[in-house]
Amino acid sequence: MSSRGMDGLPASSEERAITLARLVAPVLPDLERSEQVLHKLLTSQYAYIQTLMQHIERFRGKRLRPALLHLAAQAFGGEAPTSYEVAAVVEMLHLATLCHDDILDDAATRRRVPTVNANWGNKSAVMTGDILFSRAFEHLGRLDDPRPFRILSRISRLICEGELLQIASRNDLELDEGRYFDLIEKKTAVLFGASAELGALLAGASEADGRKLYEYGRRLGLAFQIVDDCLDLVGVESTVGKSLGSDLRNGELTLPLIHLLANAGAPHKQELLAMLKANNESLTRERLRPYLDRTGSVAYAITVARNELQRARDELSSLPASQARAALIELPEYVLERTY
């Protein structure tokens, strides 16, 4: 029996790694080819920039977005030659957003290593993220197929909009679930959606099937961000592998906090509002935890994520049986249960 952590989620990172390795096994050779492309893209003739690029490679995570692209491609019959290139660019765009996110969150660690901003300062971190974006689109511009450039340029714009909306919503105690979902769709979910859509389209899927895979990935990404927001409040840094509590420090309301304020009851709500005011350093994850437990707000958020993931699976109903389809069906459970 697996060990369980936050609200019934597995606590063992070893179990998680084994599960992911099994899920990506059908596309492991494809992922390795994409990694080779990514490594070439993350190089520079200048020593200082090369140092930064090598450090970015230490942010190597689960490569969920490239895996999603390759699994979607295989579910529709196989890889197009450009899939390896596009999957590498998708991960490069993701790394660029991480670099900028860490500046916005004033984060000190990611993947258990110092962030670029922590080691080299915000100025170098901003430009590192900009270089990653620029190189990604330079590479896309060389491809014969214009669809990846068109789709990912739109997605990059939406991601930037999402980050700005998040900044604009800081210390807004009136943020509701509708605005929260709009924000996380743009900053996180759209890149998941584009990854699945591009995999399908590059393998020859119809536009209609591409839209279904986009919707699958989008809902997967929504759930991913909801779980991430829960971990930021109640996760363990040594397990998660990055700085936690940034949402509270930055005055950002996430789904558990929105639910908490709506269900805390008058006396407790007044206490919470006082603690959530800007620059109130008395509010910590530890102090907030009893309120979250009392209202079941983390459990509520996990239930919302679970519902999104079931809707994601529903988008795969017309796909023929295959190893890739089976992995896509199981991937939502991995997202729900991730702990790092």
Protein backbone atom coordinates (compact mmCIF):
# COMPACT_ATOMS: atom_id res chain seq x y z
CA MET A 1 0.00 0.00 0.00
CA SER A 2 1.30 3.44 -0.90
CA SER A 3 2.01 6.01 1.78
CA ARG A 4 -0.29 9.03 1.86
CA GLY A 5 0.37 12.69 2.51
CA MET A 6 -1.64 15.84 1.87
CA ASP A 7 -5.35 15.02 1.96
CA GLY A 8 -4.76 11.43 0.87
CA LEU A 9 -2.10 12.16 -1.72
CA PRO A 10 0.95 9.88 -1.89
CA ALA A 11 3.85 11.07 0.27
CA SER A 12 6.58 9.02 -1.38
CA SER A 13 8.52 10.72 -4.17
CA GLU A 14 9.99 7.32 -5.06
CA GLU A 15 6.52 5.96 -5.79
CA ARG A 16 5.80 9.00 -7.89
CA ALA A 17 8.97 8.62 -9.94
CA ILE A 18 8.19 4.95 -10.63
CA THR A 19 4.66 5.84 -11.74
CA LEU A 20 5.85 8.56 -14.10
CA ALA A 21 8.55 6.33 -15.59
CA ARG A 22 5.90 3.74 -16.38
CA LEU A 23 3.56 6.31 -17.93
CA VAL A 24 6.19 7.80 -20.26
CA ALA A 25 7.70 4.45 -21.20
CA PRO A 26 5.86 4.37 -24.59
CA VAL A 27 7.52 7.65 -25.61
CA LEU A 28 10.85 7.40 -23.81
CA PRO A 29 12.94 7.32 -27.03
CA ASP A 30 11.04 10.36 -28.29
CA LEU A 31 11.67 12.23 -25.04
CA GLU A 32 15.37 11.41 -25.23
CA ARG A 33 15.54 12.85 -28.76
CA SER A 34 13.77 15.99 -27.61
CA GLU A 35 16.22 16.28 -24.72
CA GLN A 36 19.08 16.26 -27.22
CA VAL A 37 17.45 19.11 -29.15
CA LEU A 38 16.84 21.05 -25.93
CA HIS A 39 20.46 20.62 -24.83
CA LYS A 40 21.66 22.10 -28.13
CA LEU A 41 19.28 25.03 -27.75
CA LEU A 42 20.56 25.68 -24.23
CA THR A 43 24.11 26.50 -25.30
CA SER A 44 26.04 29.72 -25.82
CA GLN A 45 29.48 30.72 -27.04
CA TYR A 46 29.72 33.21 -24.16
CA ALA A 47 30.96 31.81 -20.85
CA TYR A 48 28.61 33.79 -18.60
CA ILE A 49 25.51 32.95 -20.65
CA GLN A 50 26.61 29.32 -20.89
CA THR A 51 26.85 29.20 -17.09
CA LEU A 52 23.28 30.45 -16.85
CA MET A 53 22.07 27.95 -19.45
CA GLN A 54 23.76 25.08 -17.64
CA HIS A 55 22.12 26.18 -14.42
CA ILE A 56 18.71 26.28 -16.10
CA GLU A 57 19.22 22.67 -17.13
CA ARG A 58 19.42 21.82 -13.43
CA PHE A 59 15.72 22.76 -13.27
CA ARG A 60 15.13 19.49 -15.11
CA GLY A 61 11.78 18.33 -13.84
CA LYS A 62 9.29 15.74 -14.92
CA ARG A 63 9.10 16.99 -18.54
CA LEU A 64 5.32 16.62 -18.40
CA ARG A 65 4.64 18.94 -21.32
CA PRO A 66 6.99 17.21 -23.81
CA ALA A 67 5.70 13.84 -22.60
CA LEU A 68 2.15 15.03 -23.17
CA LEU A 69 3.03 16.11 -26.71
CA HIS A 70 4.67 12.78 -27.57
CA LEU A 71 1.88 10.70 -25.98
CA ALA A 72 -0.73 12.66 -27.95
CA ALA A 73 1.25 12.10 -31.15
CA GLN A 74 1.51 8.37 -30.55
CA ALA A 75 -2.19 8.17 -29.71
CA PHE A 76 -2.85 9.39 -33.26
CA GLY A 77 -0.48 6.99 -34.94
CA GLY A 78 3.06 8.23 -34.50
CA GLU A 79 5.57 11.02 -34.59
CA ALA A 80 6.15 13.60 -37.27
CA PRO A 81 9.84 14.57 -37.59
CA THR A 82 9.14 18.04 -36.20
CA SER A 83 7.61 16.65 -32.98
CA TYR A 84 11.04 16.32 -31.38
CA GLU A 85 11.84 19.93 -32.21
CA VAL A 86 8.49 21.27 -31.02
CA ALA A 87 8.56 19.28 -27.77
CA ALA A 88 12.00 20.76 -27.00
CA VAL A 89 10.68 24.27 -27.67
CA VAL A 90 7.65 23.65 -25.43
CA GLU A 91 9.97 22.75 -22.57
CA MET A 92 12.16 25.75 -23.36
CA LEU A 93 9.14 28.06 -23.08
CA HIS A 94 8.26 26.40 -19.80
CA LEU A 95 11.78 27.00 -18.47
CA ALA A 96 11.52 30.65 -19.50
CA THR A 97 8.31 31.04 -17.52
CA LEU A 98 9.91 29.38 -14.48
CA CYS A 99 12.80 31.81 -14.66
CA HIS A 100 10.41 34.77 -14.68
CA ASP A 101 8.09 33.21 -12.07
CA ASP A 102 10.95 32.89 -9.61
CA ILE A 103 11.64 36.62 -9.93
CA LEU A 104 7.97 37.51 -9.41
CA ASP A 105 7.74 35.18 -6.40
CA ASP A 106 11.16 36.10 -4.99
CA ALA A 107 11.80 32.36 -4.85
CA ALA A 108 15.14 31.07 -3.58
CA THR A 109 15.05 27.44 -4.74
CA ARG A 110 13.59 25.30 -7.49
CA ARG A 111 14.15 21.57 -8.00
CA ARG A 112 16.20 21.78 -4.79
CA VAL A 113 18.78 24.12 -6.37
CA PRO A 114 19.11 27.92 -6.13
CA THR A 115 17.05 29.92 -8.60
CA VAL A 116 18.77 32.09 -11.20
CA ASN A 117 17.63 35.23 -9.39
CA ALA A 118 18.97 33.91 -6.08
CA ASN A 119 22.44 33.25 -7.53
CA TRP A 120 22.84 36.02 -10.13
CA GLY A 121 20.16 38.60 -9.33
CA ASN A 122 16.94 39.68 -10.98
CA LYS A 123 18.55 41.46 -13.93
CA SER A 124 20.35 38.36 -15.14
CA ALA A 125 17.29 36.22 -14.43
CA VAL A 126 15.03 38.48 -16.51
CA MET A 127 17.41 38.37 -19.46
CA THR A 128 17.88 34.62 -19.13
CA GLY A 129 14.15 34.10 -19.44
CA ASP A 130 14.07 36.51 -22.40
CA ILE A 131 16.84 34.61 -24.17
CA LEU A 132 14.94 31.36 -23.72
CA PHE A 133 11.79 32.86 -25.22
CA SER A 134 13.74 34.39 -28.11
CA ARG A 135 15.63 31.23 -28.96
CA ALA A 136 12.44 29.19 -28.78
CA PHE A 137 10.71 31.30 -31.41
CA GLU A 138 13.85 31.60 -33.51
CA HIS A 139 13.89 27.81 -33.68
CA LEU A 140 10.17 27.56 -34.44
CA GLY A 141 10.65 30.06 -37.28
CA ARG A 142 12.97 27.61 -39.03
CA LEU A 143 10.36 24.85 -39.21
CA ASP A 144 8.49 24.23 -42.47
CA ASP A 145 5.21 23.71 -40.61
CA PRO A 146 3.89 27.14 -39.48
CA ARG A 147 1.35 25.75 -36.98
CA PRO A 148 3.70 25.39 -33.98
CA PHE A 149 4.87 29.00 -34.36
CA ARG A 150 1.31 30.27 -34.69
CA ILE A 151 -0.03 28.25 -31.75
CA LEU A 152 2.87 28.80 -29.36
CA SER A 153 3.17 32.52 -30.04
CA ARG A 154 -0.47 32.88 -29.00
CA ILE A 155 0.09 30.69 -25.95
CA SER A 156 3.11 32.75 -24.88
CA ARG A 157 1.03 35.90 -25.05
CA LEU A 158 -1.67 34.29 -22.90
CA ILE A 159 0.92 33.16 -20.35
CA CYS A 160 2.21 36.73 -20.04
CA GLU A 161 -1.35 37.98 -19.64
CA GLY A 162 -1.92 35.43 -16.91
CA GLU A 163 1.17 36.53 -15.01
CA LEU A 164 0.10 40.19 -15.25
CA LEU A 165 -3.41 39.31 -14.09
CA GLN A 166 -1.88 37.54 -11.11
CA ILE A 167 0.17 40.61 -10.25
CA ALA A 168 -2.93 42.83 -10.62
CA SER A 169 -4.92 40.57 -8.29
CA ARG A 170 -2.40 40.70 -5.44
CA ASN A 171 -4.01 41.72 -2.14
CA ASP A 172 -7.44 41.63 -3.80
CA LEU A 173 -9.54 39.94 -1.13
CA GLU A 174 -12.58 40.02 -3.43
CA LEU A 175 -11.06 37.65 -5.98
CA ASP A 176 -13.63 34.98 -6.86
CA GLU A 177 -13.35 31.53 -8.39
CA GLY A 178 -14.23 32.74 -11.89
CA ARG A 179 -11.36 35.22 -12.00
CA TYR A 180 -9.04 32.69 -10.37
CA PHE A 181 -9.78 30.12 -13.08
CA ASP A 182 -9.25 32.69 -15.83
CA LEU A 183 -5.88 33.53 -14.30
CA ILE A 184 -4.60 29.96 -13.91
CA GLU A 185 -5.89 28.95 -17.34
CA LYS A 186 -3.71 31.60 -18.92
CA LYS A 187 -0.60 31.26 -16.77
CA THR A 188 -0.50 27.44 -16.65
CA ALA A 189 -3.22 25.47 -18.41
CA VAL A 190 -2.83 26.84 -21.95
CA LEU A 191 0.69 25.43 -22.37
CA PHE A 192 -0.53 21.98 -21.32
CA GLY A 193 -3.35 22.35 -23.83
CA ALA A 194 -1.06 23.43 -26.65
CA SER A 195 1.34 20.54 -25.94
CA ALA A 196 -1.40 17.94 -26.36
CA GLU A 197 -2.93 19.72 -29.36
CA LEU A 198 0.39 20.04 -31.19
CA GLY A 199 1.24 16.39 -30.62
CA ALA A 200 -2.05 15.38 -32.18
CA LEU A 201 -1.84 17.80 -35.11
CA LEU A 202 1.76 16.94 -35.95
CA ALA A 203 0.76 13.26 -36.09
CA GLY A 204 -1.94 14.02 -38.64
CA ALA A 205 -5.03 14.43 -36.44
CA SER A 206 -7.92 16.54 -37.66
CA GLU A 207 -8.52 20.06 -36.35
CA ALA A 208 -11.51 18.73 -34.40
CA ASP A 209 -9.41 16.04 -32.73
CA GLY A 210 -6.70 18.64 -32.07
CA ARG A 211 -9.27 20.74 -30.20
CA LYS A 212 -10.27 17.73 -28.09
CA LEU A 213 -6.64 17.14 -27.14
CA TYR A 214 -6.23 20.85 -26.36
CA GLU A 215 -9.20 20.62 -24.01
CA TYR A 216 -7.73 17.49 -22.42
CA GLY A 217 -4.43 19.26 -21.79
CA ARG A 218 -6.10 22.47 -20.65
CA ARG A 219 -8.09 20.70 -17.95
CA LEU A 220 -5.01 18.72 -16.97
CA GLY A 221 -3.17 22.03 -16.54
CA LEU A 222 -5.96 23.56 -14.46
CA ALA A 223 -5.79 20.64 -12.06
CA PHE A 224 -1.98 20.81 -12.02
CA GLN A 225 -2.09 24.45 -10.90
CA ILE A 226 -4.78 23.84 -8.29
CA VAL A 227 -2.68 21.08 -6.74
CA ASP A 228 0.37 23.36 -6.91
CA ASP A 229 -1.56 26.06 -5.05
CA CYS A 230 -2.55 23.54 -2.37
CA LEU A 231 1.07 22.43 -1.99
CA ASP A 232 2.15 26.06 -1.61
CA LEU A 233 -0.05 26.25 1.50
CA VAL A 234 0.34 22.82 3.09
CA GLY A 235 3.21 21.05 1.30
CA VAL A 236 6.62 20.27 2.78
CA GLU A 237 9.51 22.15 1.14
CA SER A 238 11.94 19.25 1.46
CA THR A 239 9.47 17.06 -0.42
CA VAL A 240 8.16 19.56 -2.94
CA GLY A 241 11.68 20.76 -3.81
CA LYS A 242 11.03 24.49 -4.11
CA SER A 243 10.27 27.53 -1.97
CA LEU A 244 6.73 27.42 -0.59
CA GLY A 245 4.43 30.06 0.86
CA SER A 246 5.02 32.54 -1.97
CA ASP A 247 1.29 32.99 -2.55
CA LEU A 248 0.81 34.20 1.01
CA ARG A 249 3.89 36.42 0.89
CA ASN A 250 2.72 38.00 -2.35
CA GLY A 251 -0.90 38.46 -1.27
CA GLU A 252 -2.20 36.05 -3.94
CA LEU A 253 -5.54 34.38 -3.29
CA THR A 254 -5.70 30.81 -4.60
CA LEU A 255 -8.62 28.38 -4.66
CA PRO A 256 -8.20 27.09 -1.08
CA LEU A 257 -8.03 30.67 0.25
CA ILE A 258 -11.03 31.79 -1.81
CA HIS A 259 -13.03 28.87 -0.41
CA LEU A 260 -11.77 29.59 3.10
CA LEU A 261 -12.92 33.22 3.04
CA ALA A 262 -16.31 32.20 1.68
CA ASN A 263 -16.87 29.56 4.37
CA ALA A 264 -15.00 30.72 7.47
CA GLY A 265 -17.97 32.28 9.27
CA ALA A 266 -18.17 35.88 10.44
CA PRO A 267 -15.78 35.87 13.45
CA HIS A 268 -13.09 33.78 11.77
CA LYS A 269 -13.45 35.68 8.50
CA GLN A 270 -12.69 38.96 10.23
CA GLU A 271 -9.57 37.41 11.78
CA LEU A 272 -8.51 36.11 8.37
CA LEU A 273 -9.12 39.41 6.61
CA ALA A 274 -7.00 41.16 9.19
CA MET A 275 -4.19 38.66 8.69
CA LEU A 276 -4.46 38.76 4.88
CA LYS A 277 -4.01 42.51 4.66
CA ALA A 278 -0.99 43.62 2.68
CA ASN A 279 2.34 43.49 4.50
CA ASN A 280 0.93 41.59 7.47
CA GLU A 281 3.92 39.45 8.41
CA SER A 282 1.96 37.64 11.13
CA LEU A 283 0.30 35.44 8.50
CA THR A 284 2.24 32.21 8.02
CA ARG A 285 1.36 28.82 6.56
CA GLU A 286 1.45 27.35 10.05
CA ARG A 287 -0.95 29.95 11.44
CA LEU A 288 -3.33 29.54 8.52
CA ARG A 289 -3.46 25.73 8.62
CA PRO A 290 -6.11 25.38 11.41
CA TYR A 291 -8.48 27.62 9.46
CA LEU A 292 -7.99 25.57 6.30
CA ASP A 293 -8.56 22.34 8.20
CA ARG A 294 -11.71 23.69 9.86
CA THR A 295 -13.36 24.57 6.54
CA GLY A 296 -11.95 21.68 4.51
CA SER A 297 -10.68 24.19 1.96
CA VAL A 298 -7.73 22.12 0.71
CA ALA A 299 -9.96 19.06 0.36
CA TYR A 300 -12.45 21.22 -1.56
CA ALA A 301 -9.74 22.40 -3.97
CA ILE A 302 -8.54 18.83 -4.52
CA THR A 303 -12.12 17.79 -5.32
CA VAL A 304 -12.36 20.58 -7.91
CA ALA A 305 -9.07 19.39 -9.42
CA ARG A 306 -10.36 15.82 -9.49
CA ASN A 307 -13.49 16.93 -11.37
CA GLU A 308 -11.36 18.78 -13.96
CA LEU A 309 -9.29 15.66 -14.48
CA GLN A 310 -12.35 13.49 -15.07
CA ARG A 311 -13.52 15.97 -17.70
CA ALA A 312 -10.05 15.74 -19.25
CA ARG A 313 -10.38 11.97 -19.52
CA ASP A 314 -13.77 12.35 -21.17
CA GLU A 315 -12.07 14.12 -24.10
CA LEU A 316 -10.21 10.88 -24.91
CA SER A 317 -13.28 8.69 -25.34
CA SER A 318 -13.04 8.54 -29.14
CA LEU A 319 -9.35 7.58 -29.26
CA PRO A 320 -8.56 3.97 -30.26
CA ALA A 321 -6.97 1.73 -27.65
CA SER A 322 -3.18 2.02 -27.40
CA GLN A 323 -0.41 2.29 -24.84
CA ALA A 324 -0.33 6.03 -25.39
CA ARG A 325 -4.08 6.39 -24.80
CA ALA A 326 -3.80 4.31 -21.61
CA ALA A 327 -1.01 6.59 -20.38
CA LEU A 328 -3.04 9.71 -21.18
CA ILE A 329 -5.97 8.30 -19.23
CA GLU A 330 -3.78 7.58 -16.21
CA LEU A 331 -1.75 10.79 -16.34
CA PRO A 332 -4.46 12.83 -14.57
CA GLU A 333 -4.12 10.68 -11.47
CA TYR A 334 -0.39 11.34 -11.47
CA VAL A 335 -1.04 15.09 -11.63
CA LEU A 336 -3.52 14.84 -8.77
CA GLU A 337 -1.16 12.89 -6.57
CA ARG A 338 2.10 14.67 -7.30
CA THR A 339 4.10 15.75 -4.30
CA TYR A 340 7.15 17.37 -5.87
